[in-house]
PDB file of N, CA and C in Angstrom:
ATOM      1  N   MET A   1      89.001  89.077 112.597  1.00  0.00           N
ATOM      2  CA  MET A   1      89.526  89.792 113.734  1.00  0.00           C
ATOM      3  C   MET A   1      91.043  89.603 113.778  1.00  0.00           C
ATOM      4  N   PRO A   2      91.800  90.654 114.099  1.00  0.00           N
ATOM      5  CA  PRO A   2      93.262  90.550 114.177  1.00  0.00           C
ATOM      6  C   PRO A   2      93.708  89.576 115.266  1.00  0.00           C
ATOM      7  N   GLU A   3      94.935  89.119 115.147  1.00  0.00           N
ATOM      8  CA  GLU A   3      95.522  88.244 116.153  1.00  0.00           C
ATOM      9  C   GLU A   3      95.490  88.921 117.518  1.00  0.00           C
ATOM     10  N   THR A   4      95.341  88.139 118.564  1.00  0.00           N
ATOM     11  CA  THR A   4      95.360  88.669 119.921  1.00  0.00           C
ATOM     12  C   THR A   4      96.681  89.389 120.162  1.00  0.00           C
ATOM     13  N   GLY A   5      96.610  90.560 120.748  1.00  0.00           N
ATOM     14  CA  GLY A   5      97.804  91.358 121.012  1.00  0.00           C
ATOM     15  C   GLY A   5      98.103  92.360 119.918  1.00  0.00           C
ATOM     16  N   ASN A   6      97.511  92.181 118.756  1.00  0.00           N
ATOM     17  CA  ASN A   6      97.733  93.103 117.640  1.00  0.00           C
ATOM     18  C   ASN A   6      96.489  93.910 117.310  1.00  0.00           C
ATOM     19  N   GLN A   7      95.561  93.969 118.240  1.00  0.00           N
ATOM     20  CA  GLN A   7      94.362  94.752 117.966  1.00  0.00           C
ATOM     21  C   GLN A   7      94.231  95.887 118.973  1.00  0.00           C
ATOM     22  N   ASN A   8      93.674  96.963 118.502  1.00  0.00           N
ATOM     23  CA  ASN A   8      93.460  98.133 119.349  1.00  0.00           C
ATOM     24  C   ASN A   8      92.067  98.040 119.980  1.00  0.00           C
ATOM     25  N   PRO A   9      91.678  99.030 120.786  1.00  0.00           N
ATOM     26  CA  PRO A   9      90.355  98.982 121.420  1.00  0.00           C
ATOM     27  C   PRO A   9      89.187  98.981 120.426  1.00  0.00           C
ATOM     28  N   HIS A  10      89.436  99.317 119.169  1.00  0.00           N
ATOM     29  CA  HIS A  10      88.390  99.338 118.138  1.00  0.00           C
ATOM     30  C   HIS A  10      88.286  97.997 117.404  1.00  0.00           C
ATOM     31  N   HIS A  11      89.078  97.011 117.856  1.00  0.00           N
ATOM     32  CA  HIS A  11      89.112  95.663 117.269  1.00  0.00           C
ATOM     33  C   HIS A  11      89.623  95.674 115.833  1.00  0.00           C
ATOM     34  N   THR A  12      90.510  96.604 115.553  1.00  0.00           N
ATOM     35  CA  THR A  12      91.216  96.614 114.274  1.00  0.00           C
ATOM     36  C   THR A  12      92.704  96.461 114.574  1.00  0.00           C
ATOM     37  N   VAL A  13      93.500  96.226 113.550  1.00  0.00           N
ATOM     38  CA  VAL A  13      94.929  95.981 113.741  1.00  0.00           C
ATOM     39  C   VAL A  13      95.608  97.228 114.299  1.00  0.00           C
ATOM     40  N   PHE A  14      96.439  97.015 115.297  1.00  0.00           N
ATOM     41  CA  PHE A  14      97.215  98.072 115.922  1.00  0.00           C
ATOM     42  C   PHE A  14      98.168  98.688 114.891  1.00  0.00           C
ATOM     43  N   ALA A  15      98.220 100.002 114.844  1.00  0.00           N
ATOM     44  CA  ALA A  15      99.044 100.705 113.846  1.00  0.00           C
ATOM     45  C   ALA A  15     100.515 100.309 113.932  1.00  0.00           C
ATOM     46  N   GLY A  16     101.026 100.095 115.127  1.00  0.00           N
ATOM     47  CA  GLY A  16     102.426  99.690 115.280  1.00  0.00           C
ATOM     48  C   GLY A  16     102.705  98.341 114.647  1.00  0.00           C
ATOM     49  N   SER A  17     101.741  97.454 114.701  1.00  0.00           N
ATOM     50  CA  SER A  17     101.895  96.147 114.060  1.00  0.00           C
ATOM     51  C   SER A  17     101.935  96.285 112.546  1.00  0.00           C
ATOM     52  N   LEU A  18     101.109  97.167 112.003  1.00  0.00           N
ATOM     53  CA  LEU A  18     101.116  97.410 110.557  1.00  0.00           C
ATOM     54  C   LEU A  18     102.445  98.013 110.115  1.00  0.00           C
ATOM     55  N   PHE A  19     102.961  98.959 110.905  1.00  0.00           N
ATOM     56  CA  PHE A  19     104.244  99.573 110.578  1.00  0.00           C
ATOM     57  C   PHE A  19     105.348  98.517 110.594  1.00  0.00           C
ATOM     58  N   SER A  20     105.336  97.651 111.611  1.00  0.00           N
ATOM     59  CA  SER A  20     106.344  96.590 111.697  1.00  0.00           C
ATOM     60  C   SER A  20     106.241  95.629 110.523  1.00  0.00           C
ATOM     61  N   LEU A  21     105.033  95.277 110.144  1.00  0.00           N
ATOM     62  CA  LEU A  21     104.826  94.384 109.002  1.00  0.00           C
ATOM     63  C   LEU A  21     105.388  94.993 107.721  1.00  0.00           C
ATOM     64  N   ALA A  22     105.113  96.260 107.492  1.00  0.00           N
ATOM     65  CA  ALA A  22     105.629  96.938 106.297  1.00  0.00           C
ATOM     66  C   ALA A  22     107.154  97.010 106.330  1.00  0.00           C
ATOM     67  N   THR A  23     107.710  97.330 107.489  1.00  0.00           N
ATOM     68  CA  THR A  23     109.163  97.436 107.632  1.00  0.00           C
ATOM     69  C   THR A  23     109.832  96.097 107.356  1.00  0.00           C
ATOM     70  N   LEU A  24     109.330  95.035 107.959  1.00  0.00           N
ATOM     71  CA  LEU A  24     109.930  93.716 107.760  1.00  0.00           C
ATOM     72  C   LEU A  24     109.763  93.210 106.332  1.00  0.00           C
ATOM     73  N   THR A  25     108.684  93.562 105.693  1.00  0.00           N
ATOM     74  CA  THR A  25     108.477  93.172 104.295  1.00  0.00           C
ATOM     75  C   THR A  25     109.527  93.823 103.398  1.00  0.00           C
ATOM     76  N   GLY A  26     109.727  95.118 103.564  1.00  0.00           N
ATOM     77  CA  GLY A  26     110.739  95.825 102.778  1.00  0.00           C
ATOM     78  C   GLY A  26     112.144  95.347 103.092  1.00  0.00           C
ATOM     79  N   TRP A  27     112.431  95.183 104.387  1.00  0.00           N
ATOM     80  CA  TRP A  27     113.747  94.715 104.816  1.00  0.00           C
ATOM     81  C   TRP A  27     114.017  93.339 104.214  1.00  0.00           C
ATOM     82  N   GLY A  28     113.015  92.466 104.260  1.00  0.00           N
ATOM     83  CA  GLY A  28     113.190  91.115 103.737  1.00  0.00           C
ATOM     84  C   GLY A  28     113.496  91.088 102.248  1.00  0.00           C
ATOM     85  N   LEU A  29     112.835  91.943 101.485  1.00  0.00           N
ATOM     86  CA  LEU A  29     113.099  91.986 100.046  1.00  0.00           C
ATOM     87  C   LEU A  29     114.527  92.461  99.773  1.00  0.00           C
ATOM     88  N   ILE A  30     114.958  93.494 100.464  1.00  0.00           N
ATOM     89  CA  ILE A  30     116.334  93.980 100.275  1.00  0.00           C
ATOM     90  C   ILE A  30     117.331  92.896 100.677  1.00  0.00           C
ATOM     91  N   TRP A  31     117.075  92.213 101.781  1.00  0.00           N
ATOM     92  CA  TRP A  31     117.955  91.139 102.241  1.00  0.00           C
ATOM     93  C   TRP A  31     118.070  90.050 101.174  1.00  0.00           C
ATOM     94  N   LEU A  32     116.931  89.648 100.607  1.00  0.00           N
ATOM     95  CA  LEU A  32     116.949  88.627  99.556  1.00  0.00           C
ATOM     96  C   LEU A  32     117.721  89.099  98.325  1.00  0.00           C
ATOM     97  N   MET A  33     117.563  90.355  97.975  1.00  0.00           N
ATOM     98  CA  MET A  33     118.283  90.890  96.814  1.00  0.00           C
ATOM     99  C   MET A  33     119.789  90.891  97.064  1.00  0.00           C
ATOM    100  N   LEU A  34     120.213  91.219  98.274  1.00  0.00           N
ATOM    101  CA  LEU A  34     121.642  91.196  98.602  1.00  0.00           C
ATOM    102  C   LEU A  34     122.180  89.771  98.489  1.00  0.00           C
ATOM    103  N   ARG A  35     121.449  88.804  99.020  1.00  0.00           N
ATOM    104  CA  ARG A  35     121.881  87.407  98.947  1.00  0.00           C
ATOM    105  C   ARG A  35     121.928  86.924  97.497  1.00  0.00           C
ATOM    106  N   GLU A  36     120.925  87.281  96.723  1.00  0.00           N
ATOM    107  CA  GLU A  36     120.849  86.862  95.325  1.00  0.00           C
ATOM    108  C   GLU A  36     122.040  87.383  94.528  1.00  0.00           C
ATOM    109  N   ARG A  37     122.484  88.580  94.869  1.00  0.00           N
ATOM    110  CA  ARG A  37     123.604  89.208  94.152  1.00  0.00           C
ATOM    111  C   ARG A  37     124.949  88.950  94.830  1.00  0.00           C
ATOM    112  N   HIS A  38     124.961  88.168  95.890  1.00  0.00           N
ATOM    113  CA  HIS A  38     126.175  87.852  96.651  1.00  0.00           C
ATOM    114  C   HIS A  38     126.859  89.122  97.153  1.00  0.00           C
ATOM    115  N   LEU A  39     126.050  90.029  97.677  1.00  0.00           N
ATOM    116  CA  LEU A  39     126.564  91.292  98.199  1.00  0.00           C
ATOM    117  C   LEU A  39     126.466  91.303  99.717  1.00  0.00           C
ATOM    118  N   GLY A  40     127.470  91.885 100.341  1.00  0.00           N
ATOM    119  CA  GLY A  40     127.426  92.064 101.788  1.00  0.00           C
ATOM    120  C   GLY A  40     126.900  93.448 102.100  1.00  0.00           C
ATOM    121  N   GLY A  41     126.470  93.620 103.305  1.00  0.00           N
ATOM    122  CA  GLY A  41     125.995  94.939 103.703  1.00  0.00           C
ATOM    123  C   GLY A  41     125.077  94.838 104.898  1.00  0.00           C
ATOM    124  N   THR A  42     124.935  95.935 105.578  1.00  0.00           N
ATOM    125  CA  THR A  42     124.024  96.035 106.709  1.00  0.00           C
ATOM    126  C   THR A  42     122.828  96.863 106.272  1.00  0.00           C
ATOM    127  N   ILE A  43     121.651  96.340 106.474  1.00  0.00           N
ATOM    128  CA  ILE A  43     120.437  97.053 106.077  1.00  0.00           C
ATOM    129  C   ILE A  43     120.012  97.952 107.228  1.00  0.00           C
ATOM    130  N   ILE A  44     119.905  99.229 106.940  1.00  0.00           N
ATOM    131  CA  ILE A  44     119.512 100.220 107.941  1.00  0.00           C
ATOM    132  C   ILE A  44     118.300 100.977 107.419  1.00  0.00           C
ATOM    133  N   LEU A  45     117.266 101.016 108.217  1.00  0.00           N
ATOM    134  CA  LEU A  45     116.090 101.814 107.871  1.00  0.00           C
ATOM    135  C   LEU A  45     116.381 103.248 108.300  1.00  0.00           C
ATOM    136  N   ALA A  46     116.656 104.099 107.331  1.00  0.00           N
ATOM    137  CA  ALA A  46     117.031 105.485 107.629  1.00  0.00           C
ATOM    138  C   ALA A  46     115.828 106.414 107.677  1.00  0.00           C
ATOM    139  N   ASP A  47     114.798 106.100 106.925  1.00  0.00           N
ATOM    140  CA  ASP A  47     113.627 106.975 106.867  1.00  0.00           C
ATOM    141  C   ASP A  47     112.427 106.127 106.456  1.00  0.00           C
ATOM    142  N   ALA A  48     111.303 106.384 107.083  1.00  0.00           N
ATOM    143  CA  ALA A  48     110.092 105.637 106.744  1.00  0.00           C
ATOM    144  C   ALA A  48     108.875 106.530 106.911  1.00  0.00           C
ATOM    145  N   HIS A  49     107.949 106.362 106.013  1.00  0.00           N
ATOM    146  CA  HIS A  49     106.676 107.087 106.064  1.00  0.00           C
ATOM    147  C   HIS A  49     105.571 106.071 105.818  1.00  0.00           C
ATOM    148  N   ILE A  50     104.497 106.202 106.547  1.00  0.00           N
ATOM    149  CA  ILE A  50     103.374 105.288 106.358  1.00  0.00           C
ATOM    150  C   ILE A  50     102.079 106.085 106.396  1.00  0.00           C
ATOM    151  N   ARG A  51     101.138 105.652 105.579  1.00  0.00           N
ATOM    152  CA  ARG A  51      99.821 106.290 105.557  1.00  0.00           C
ATOM    153  C   ARG A  51      98.790 105.186 105.745  1.00  0.00           C
ATOM    154  N   TYR A  52      97.971 105.355 106.742  1.00  0.00           N
ATOM    155  CA  TYR A  52      96.917 104.386 107.035  1.00  0.00           C
ATOM    156  C   TYR A  52      95.639 104.870 106.354  1.00  0.00           C
ATOM    157  N   SER A  53      95.229 104.200 105.306  1.00  0.00           N
ATOM    158  CA  SER A  53      94.076 104.676 104.535  1.00  0.00           C
ATOM    159  C   SER A  53      92.741 104.218 105.117  1.00  0.00           C
ATOM    160  N   LYS A  54      92.742 103.065 105.798  1.00  0.00           N
ATOM    161  CA  LYS A  54      91.505 102.601 106.429  1.00  0.00           C
ATOM    162  C   LYS A  54      91.852 101.541 107.473  1.00  0.00           C
ATOM    163  N   PRO A  55      90.991 101.344 108.453  1.00  0.00           N
ATOM    164  CA  PRO A  55      91.244 100.321 109.472  1.00  0.00           C
ATOM    165  C   PRO A  55      91.236  98.921 108.856  1.00  0.00           C
ATOM    166  N   ILE A  56      92.017  98.028 109.431  1.00  0.00           N
ATOM    167  CA  ILE A  56      92.054  96.638 108.986  1.00  0.00           C
ATOM    168  C   ILE A  56      91.509  95.780 110.122  1.00  0.00           C
ATOM    169  N   SER A  57      90.452  95.068 109.846  1.00  0.00           N
ATOM    170  CA  SER A  57      89.841  94.240 110.880  1.00  0.00           C
ATOM    171  C   SER A  57      90.128  92.752 110.673  1.00  0.00           C
ATOM    172  N   GLY A  58      90.759  92.412 109.578  1.00  0.00           N
ATOM    173  CA  GLY A  58      91.095  91.018 109.292  1.00  0.00           C
ATOM    174  C   GLY A  58      92.591  90.785 109.411  1.00  0.00           C
ATOM    175  N   LYS A  59      93.062  89.779 108.706  1.00  0.00           N
ATOM    176  CA  LYS A  59      94.484  89.446 108.712  1.00  0.00           C
ATOM    177  C   LYS A  59      95.221  90.396 107.770  1.00  0.00           C
ATOM    178  N   PRO A  60      96.203  91.140 108.282  1.00  0.00           N
ATOM    179  CA  PRO A  60      96.918  92.091 107.424  1.00  0.00           C
ATOM    180  C   PRO A  60      97.966  91.387 106.555  1.00  0.00           C
ATOM    181  N   ASN A  61      98.310  92.007 105.442  1.00  0.00           N
ATOM    182  CA  ASN A  61      99.415  91.536 104.614  1.00  0.00           C
ATOM    183  C   ASN A  61     100.115  92.752 104.027  1.00  0.00           C
ATOM    184  N   ALA A  62     101.336  92.555 103.605  1.00  0.00           N
ATOM    185  CA  ALA A  62     102.112  93.630 102.994  1.00  0.00           C
ATOM    186  C   ALA A  62     102.789  93.082 101.743  1.00  0.00           C
ATOM    187  N   VAL A  63     102.917  93.927 100.739  1.00  0.00           N
ATOM    188  CA  VAL A  63     103.545  93.550  99.476  1.00  0.00           C
ATOM    189  C   VAL A  63     104.581  94.609  99.133  1.00  0.00           C
ATOM    190  N   ALA A  64     105.808  94.174  98.894  1.00  0.00           N
ATOM    191  CA  ALA A  64     106.857  95.095  98.470  1.00  0.00           C
ATOM    192  C   ALA A  64     106.763  95.257  96.960  1.00  0.00           C
ATOM    193  N   ASP A  65     106.762  96.486  96.505  1.00  0.00           N
ATOM    194  CA  ASP A  65     106.638  96.795  95.082  1.00  0.00           C
ATOM    195  C   ASP A  65     108.029  96.896  94.468  1.00  0.00           C
ATOM    196  N   LEU A  66     108.488  95.807  93.860  1.00  0.00           N
ATOM    197  CA  LEU A  66     109.827  95.773  93.273  1.00  0.00           C
ATOM    198  C   LEU A  66     110.003  96.848  92.209  1.00  0.00           C
ATOM    199  N   GLY A  67     108.926  97.196  91.521  1.00  0.00           N
ATOM    200  CA  GLY A  67     108.983  98.242  90.505  1.00  0.00           C
ATOM    201  C   GLY A  67     109.272  99.621  91.082  1.00  0.00           C
ATOM    202  N   SER A  68     109.049  99.788  92.384  1.00  0.00           N
ATOM    203  CA  SER A  68     109.303 101.089  93.013  1.00  0.00           C
ATOM    204  C   SER A  68     110.730 101.221  93.529  1.00  0.00           C
ATOM    205  N   LEU A  69     111.505 100.136  93.443  1.00  0.00           N
ATOM    206  CA  LEU A  69     112.872 100.161  93.964  1.00  0.00           C
ATOM    207  C   LEU A  69     113.718 101.160  93.191  1.00  0.00           C
ATOM    208  N   SER A  70     114.351 102.042  93.923  1.00  0.00           N
ATOM    209  CA  SER A  70     115.285 102.973  93.286  1.00  0.00           C
ATOM    210  C   SER A  70     116.577 102.968  94.086  1.00  0.00           C
ATOM    211  N   GLY A  71     117.666 103.154  93.399  1.00  0.00           N
ATOM    212  CA  GLY A  71     118.976 103.122  94.032  1.00  0.00           C
ATOM    213  C   GLY A  71     119.851 102.097  93.338  1.00  0.00           C
ATOM    214  N   ASP A  72     121.065 101.921  93.850  1.00  0.00           N
ATOM    215  CA  ASP A  72     122.035 101.048  93.193  1.00  0.00           C
ATOM    216  C   ASP A  72     122.720 100.162  94.228  1.00  0.00           C
ATOM    217  N   LEU A  73     122.210  98.951  94.416  1.00  0.00           N
ATOM    218  CA  LEU A  73     122.818  98.015  95.359  1.00  0.00           C
ATOM    219  C   LEU A  73     124.201  97.567  94.908  1.00  0.00           C
ATOM    220  N   ASP A  74     124.469  97.620  93.614  1.00  0.00           N
ATOM    221  CA  ASP A  74     125.757  97.159  93.097  1.00  0.00           C
ATOM    222  C   ASP A  74     126.922  98.026  93.562  1.00  0.00           C
ATOM    223  N   ARG A  75     126.644  99.187  94.125  1.00  0.00           N
ATOM    224  CA  ARG A  75     127.711 100.012  94.714  1.00  0.00           C
ATOM    225  C   ARG A  75     128.421  99.247  95.834  1.00  0.00           C
ATOM    226  N   LEU A  76     127.686  98.351  96.500  1.00  0.00           N
ATOM    227  CA  LEU A  76     128.272  97.570  97.591  1.00  0.00           C
ATOM    228  C   LEU A  76     129.418  96.695  97.095  1.00  0.00           C
ATOM    229  N   ALA A  77     129.324  96.203  95.872  1.00  0.00           N
ATOM    230  CA  ALA A  77     130.381  95.365  95.296  1.00  0.00           C
ATOM    231  C   ALA A  77     131.663  96.158  95.104  1.00  0.00           C
ATOM    232  N   ARG A  78     131.538  97.470  95.006  1.00  0.00           N
ATOM    233  CA  ARG A  78     132.705  98.341  94.839  1.00  0.00           C
ATOM    234  C   ARG A  78     133.169  98.923  96.171  1.00  0.00           C
ATOM    235  N   GLY A  79     132.621  98.398  97.280  1.00  0.00           N
ATOM    236  CA  GLY A  79     133.026  98.853  98.604  1.00  0.00           C
ATOM    237  C   GLY A  79     132.419 100.179  99.016  1.00  0.00           C
ATOM    238  N   LYS A  80     131.382 100.602  98.330  1.00  0.00           N
ATOM    239  CA  LYS A  80     130.746 101.885  98.642  1.00  0.00           C
ATOM    240  C   LYS A  80     129.405 101.650  99.322  1.00  0.00           C
ATOM    241  N   LYS A  81     128.906 102.704  99.933  1.00  0.00           N
ATOM    242  CA  LYS A  81     127.577 102.646 100.536  1.00  0.00           C
ATOM    243  C   LYS A  81     126.525 102.723  99.440  1.00  0.00           C
ATOM    244  N   ALA A  82     125.398 102.112  99.702  1.00  0.00           N
ATOM    245  CA  ALA A  82     124.285 102.157  98.749  1.00  0.00           C
ATOM    246  C   ALA A  82     123.042 102.636  99.483  1.00  0.00           C
ATOM    247  N   ARG A  83     122.304 103.489  98.837  1.00  0.00           N
ATOM    248  CA  ARG A  83     121.038 103.970  99.388  1.00  0.00           C
ATOM    249  C   ARG A  83     119.944 103.584  98.403  1.00  0.00           C
ATOM    250  N   VAL A  84     118.925 102.925  98.916  1.00  0.00           N
ATOM    251  CA  VAL A  84     117.807 102.524  98.066  1.00  0.00           C
ATOM    252  C   VAL A  84     116.490 102.958  98.705  1.00  0.00           C
ATOM    253  N   GLN A  85     115.498 103.097  97.868  1.00  0.00           N
ATOM    254  CA  GLN A  85     114.143 103.386  98.326  1.00  0.00           C
ATOM    255  C   GLN A  85     113.226 102.309  97.774  1.00  0.00           C
ATOM    256  N   LEU A  86     112.249 101.946  98.587  1.00  0.00           N
ATOM    257  CA  LEU A  86     111.332 100.879  98.213  1.00  0.00           C
ATOM    258  C   LEU A  86     109.956 101.199  98.775  1.00  0.00           C
ATOM    259  N   GLN A  87     108.955 100.962  97.975  1.00  0.00           N
ATOM    260  CA  GLN A  87     107.580 101.179  98.421  1.00  0.00           C
ATOM    261  C   GLN A  87     106.946  99.838  98.788  1.00  0.00           C
ATOM    262  N   VAL A  88     106.326  99.797  99.962  1.00  0.00           N
ATOM    263  CA  VAL A  88     105.652  98.574 100.431  1.00  0.00           C
ATOM    264  C   VAL A  88     104.177  98.871 100.543  1.00  0.00           C
TER     265      VAL A  88
END
């Protein structure tokens, strides 16, 4: 059963909680990559899409797919904006 406060009337995880989990997972990976490369920058979620394939009645988890990362963070080192996409 999901944590108290994160379940809907059907006793599955609330969709907003799943969206937040996915967002924070992706944000966290980008943040770690910036730190690893000693790059500064502000992470902004400009666009997000989520598809709920089935209800989750247990403890949810999210995994960021590093292989899906597209874009060039190294532009930040040159003082330019960088746009990246990541699948979670």
